[in-house]
């Protein structure tokens, strides 16, 4: 690891097996909705989107990736959401499942849903791996949630700090050195 001012907590916040178990039950909920398209908000949700789409396993289900970012190399959101990739997609008249890693302040998901709606889908449902309700600054709630967590900065299972920790199979909290 590089010289970051943080270290991993002593134990995972959410163990790999807990994630696998929740993916199974979450996939059952999602299968009932019969989505046409999964939109994965890169980069943090790539692992979650890949795993949940395999669990849904519908042959005609399309998966597209869009880029949404508000953190950069910080542990705090900048509040400014940068979105790219929607302009290339044909989602008009489609049932969309928007997948993201974490719902924190709500700004990113709120901005994404507004941007996606401009392209004329039939419906938009949202699914997040982690929900931090205590940090919400906008009135936005995900339709499907993997886990509720406290106000801690988390990494692993796709989530990062300065592009590190993404490949860990568990969810960890970062602590200051």
Protein backbone atom coordinates (compact mmCIF):
# COMPACT_ATOMS: atom_id res chain seq x y z
CA UNK A 1 0.00 0.00 0.00
CA UNK A 2 1.05 3.57 -0.50
CA UNK A 3 1.61 6.06 2.27
CA UNK A 4 -2.02 6.87 3.08
CA UNK A 5 -2.96 8.49 6.39
CA UNK A 6 -5.35 5.58 7.07
CA UNK A 7 -5.26 1.91 7.98
CA UNK A 8 -7.84 -0.84 7.85
CA UNK A 9 -9.87 -1.57 10.97
CA UNK A 10 -8.97 -4.68 12.99
CA UNK A 11 -11.80 -6.73 11.50
CA UNK A 12 -14.12 -6.45 8.51
CA UNK A 13 -17.33 -4.50 8.98
CA UNK A 14 -19.09 -6.94 6.64
CA UNK A 15 -17.51 -10.35 6.01
CA UNK A 16 -17.28 -11.95 2.58
CA UNK A 17 -19.83 -14.64 3.49
CA UNK A 18 -22.32 -12.02 4.71
CA UNK A 19 -22.02 -10.28 1.34
CA UNK A 20 -22.57 -13.56 -0.53
CA UNK A 21 -25.62 -14.39 1.59
CA UNK A 22 -27.16 -10.96 1.07
CA UNK A 23 -26.53 -11.13 -2.69
CA UNK A 24 -28.61 -14.31 -2.85
CA UNK A 25 -31.62 -12.78 -1.11
CA UNK A 26 -31.28 -9.43 -2.90
CA UNK A 27 -31.16 -11.17 -6.29
CA UNK A 28 -34.47 -12.89 -5.50
CA UNK A 29 -36.06 -9.49 -4.81
CA UNK A 30 -34.63 -8.06 -8.04
CA UNK A 31 -35.68 -10.99 -10.24
CA UNK A 32 -39.32 -10.21 -9.47
CA UNK A 33 -38.96 -6.77 -11.09
CA UNK A 34 -38.01 -7.97 -14.59
CA UNK A 35 -35.54 -5.22 -15.50
CA UNK A 36 -34.32 -4.69 -19.07
CA UNK A 37 -31.07 -2.89 -18.18
CA UNK A 38 -28.68 -2.70 -15.27
CA UNK A 39 -26.82 0.61 -15.18
CA UNK A 40 -23.74 0.33 -13.00
CA UNK A 41 -22.27 3.55 -11.65
CA UNK A 42 -18.53 3.11 -11.95
CA UNK A 43 -16.16 2.67 -10.45
CA UNK A 44 -17.14 1.55 -6.97
CA UNK A 45 -20.10 -0.61 -7.97
CA UNK A 46 -18.37 -2.77 -10.58
CA UNK A 47 -17.90 -5.78 -8.28
CA UNK A 48 -21.41 -5.55 -6.79
CA UNK A 49 -23.01 -5.07 -10.23
CA UNK A 50 -21.12 -8.04 -11.69
CA UNK A 51 -22.04 -10.33 -8.80
CA UNK A 52 -25.70 -9.30 -8.59
CA UNK A 53 -26.19 -9.54 -12.38
CA UNK A 54 -24.84 -13.10 -12.35
CA UNK A 55 -27.29 -13.96 -9.58
CA UNK A 56 -30.21 -12.48 -11.55
CA UNK A 57 -29.00 -14.44 -14.62
CA UNK A 58 -31.58 -13.26 -17.17
CA UNK A 59 -30.17 -13.81 -20.69
CA UNK A 60 -31.73 -10.68 -22.23
CA UNK A 61 -30.65 -8.39 -19.36
CA UNK A 62 -28.25 -5.74 -20.64
CA UNK A 63 -25.53 -4.23 -18.47
CA UNK A 64 -24.17 -0.77 -19.15
CA UNK A 65 -21.59 1.22 -17.25
CA UNK A 66 -21.72 4.91 -16.58
CA UNK A 67 -19.25 7.01 -14.65
CA UNK A 68 -20.34 8.99 -11.62
CA UNK A 69 -17.98 10.55 -9.13
CA UNK A 70 -18.04 13.07 -6.33
CA UNK A 71 -15.19 11.87 -4.05
CA UNK A 72 -11.94 11.96 -6.02
CA UNK A 73 -9.11 11.06 -3.61
CA UNK A 74 -10.95 12.30 -0.52
CA UNK A 75 -13.01 10.65 2.21
CA UNK A 76 -15.60 13.44 1.83
CA UNK A 77 -17.90 14.05 -1.12
CA UNK A 78 -17.22 17.25 -3.04
CA UNK A 79 -20.97 17.66 -3.57
CA UNK A 80 -20.39 18.02 -7.32
CA UNK A 81 -21.41 14.95 -9.30
CA UNK A 82 -19.64 14.27 -12.58
CA UNK A 83 -21.64 11.92 -14.88
CA UNK A 84 -20.51 10.47 -18.20
CA UNK A 85 -21.55 7.63 -20.49
CA UNK A 86 -25.33 8.10 -20.60
CA UNK A 87 -25.22 9.86 -23.95
CA UNK A 88 -24.13 6.63 -25.68
CA UNK A 89 -26.97 4.46 -24.37
CA UNK A 90 -30.38 3.60 -25.81
CA UNK A 91 -32.53 3.30 -22.69
CA UNK A 92 -35.74 4.90 -23.94
CA UNK A 93 -38.71 2.76 -22.95
CA UNK A 94 -36.58 0.40 -20.86
CA UNK A 95 -36.98 -0.70 -17.23
CA UNK A 96 -33.76 0.41 -15.54
CA UNK A 97 -32.03 -0.87 -12.41
CA UNK A 98 -29.42 1.68 -11.34
CA UNK A 99 -26.75 0.00 -9.21
CA UNK A 100 -24.27 1.87 -7.03
CA UNK A 101 -21.91 0.93 -4.26
CA UNK A 102 -23.06 3.31 -1.53
CA UNK A 103 -25.85 5.76 -0.84
CA UNK A 104 -24.31 8.38 1.41
CA UNK A 105 -25.39 12.01 1.08
CA UNK A 106 -27.73 10.99 -1.72
CA UNK A 107 -26.39 13.62 -4.10
CA UNK A 108 -24.88 11.16 -6.58
CA UNK A 109 -27.93 8.90 -6.83
CA UNK A 110 -30.29 11.86 -7.00
CA UNK A 111 -28.24 13.39 -9.84
CA UNK A 112 -28.00 10.05 -11.65
CA UNK A 113 -31.74 9.38 -11.49
CA UNK A 114 -32.47 12.87 -12.80
CA UNK A 115 -29.97 12.45 -15.65
CA UNK A 116 -31.25 8.98 -16.57
CA UNK A 117 -34.88 10.17 -16.56
CA UNK A 118 -34.03 12.62 -19.35
CA UNK A 119 -33.42 9.64 -21.66
CA UNK A 120 -37.02 8.38 -21.37
CA UNK A 121 -36.88 5.00 -19.62
CA UNK A 122 -40.18 3.39 -18.58
CA UNK A 123 -39.01 3.07 -14.98
CA UNK A 124 -35.93 3.58 -12.82
CA UNK A 125 -35.32 1.60 -9.65
CA UNK A 126 -32.21 1.98 -7.52
CA UNK A 127 -30.12 -0.62 -5.74
CA UNK A 128 -27.17 0.06 -3.46
CA UNK A 129 -24.85 -2.29 -1.64
CA UNK A 130 -24.52 0.05 1.35
CA UNK A 131 -26.85 2.68 2.77
CA UNK A 132 -25.64 5.40 5.18
CA UNK A 133 -28.94 7.01 6.09
CA UNK A 134 -27.33 9.23 8.76
CA UNK A 135 -25.37 11.16 6.09
CA UNK A 136 -28.31 11.93 3.79
CA UNK A 137 -28.51 15.57 2.69
CA UNK A 138 -31.20 15.11 0.03
CA UNK A 139 -34.53 13.32 0.32
CA UNK A 140 -33.58 10.19 -1.59
CA UNK A 141 -33.94 6.54 -0.64
CA UNK A 142 -32.87 3.46 -2.60
CA UNK A 143 -35.49 0.93 -3.66
CA UNK A 144 -33.20 -2.00 -2.79
CA UNK A 145 -30.47 -1.99 -0.13
CA UNK A 146 -27.84 -4.60 0.66
CA UNK A 147 -26.73 -3.36 4.09
CA UNK A 148 -27.39 -0.43 6.41
CA UNK A 149 -24.16 0.95 7.86
CA UNK A 150 -23.07 3.64 10.30
CA UNK A 151 -21.29 6.84 9.32
CA UNK A 152 -17.85 5.33 8.73
CA UNK A 153 -15.65 5.55 5.65
CA UNK A 154 -15.62 2.09 4.10
CA UNK A 155 -13.49 0.29 1.52
CA UNK A 156 -13.35 -3.12 -0.10
CA UNK A 157 -15.62 -5.07 -2.44
CA UNK A 158 -15.19 -2.38 -5.09
CA UNK A 159 -15.14 0.66 -2.78
CA UNK A 160 -11.88 2.54 -2.59
CA UNK A 161 -9.82 5.26 -1.01
CA UNK A 162 -7.57 6.94 -3.60
CA UNK A 163 -8.00 3.89 -5.90
CA UNK A 164 -6.76 1.44 -3.26
CA UNK A 165 -8.54 -1.37 -1.34
CA UNK A 166 -11.08 -2.14 -4.13
CA UNK A 167 -10.08 -5.79 -4.47
CA UNK A 168 -10.70 -6.80 -0.86
CA UNK A 169 -13.55 -9.36 -0.73
CA UNK A 170 -14.98 -7.84 2.48
CA UNK A 171 -16.11 -4.36 3.55
CA UNK A 172 -13.69 -2.66 5.94
CA UNK A 173 -13.65 0.69 7.71
CA UNK A 174 -10.67 3.00 7.42
CA UNK A 175 -9.18 4.46 10.57
CA UNK A 176 -6.75 7.36 10.84
CA UNK A 177 -3.19 6.41 11.70
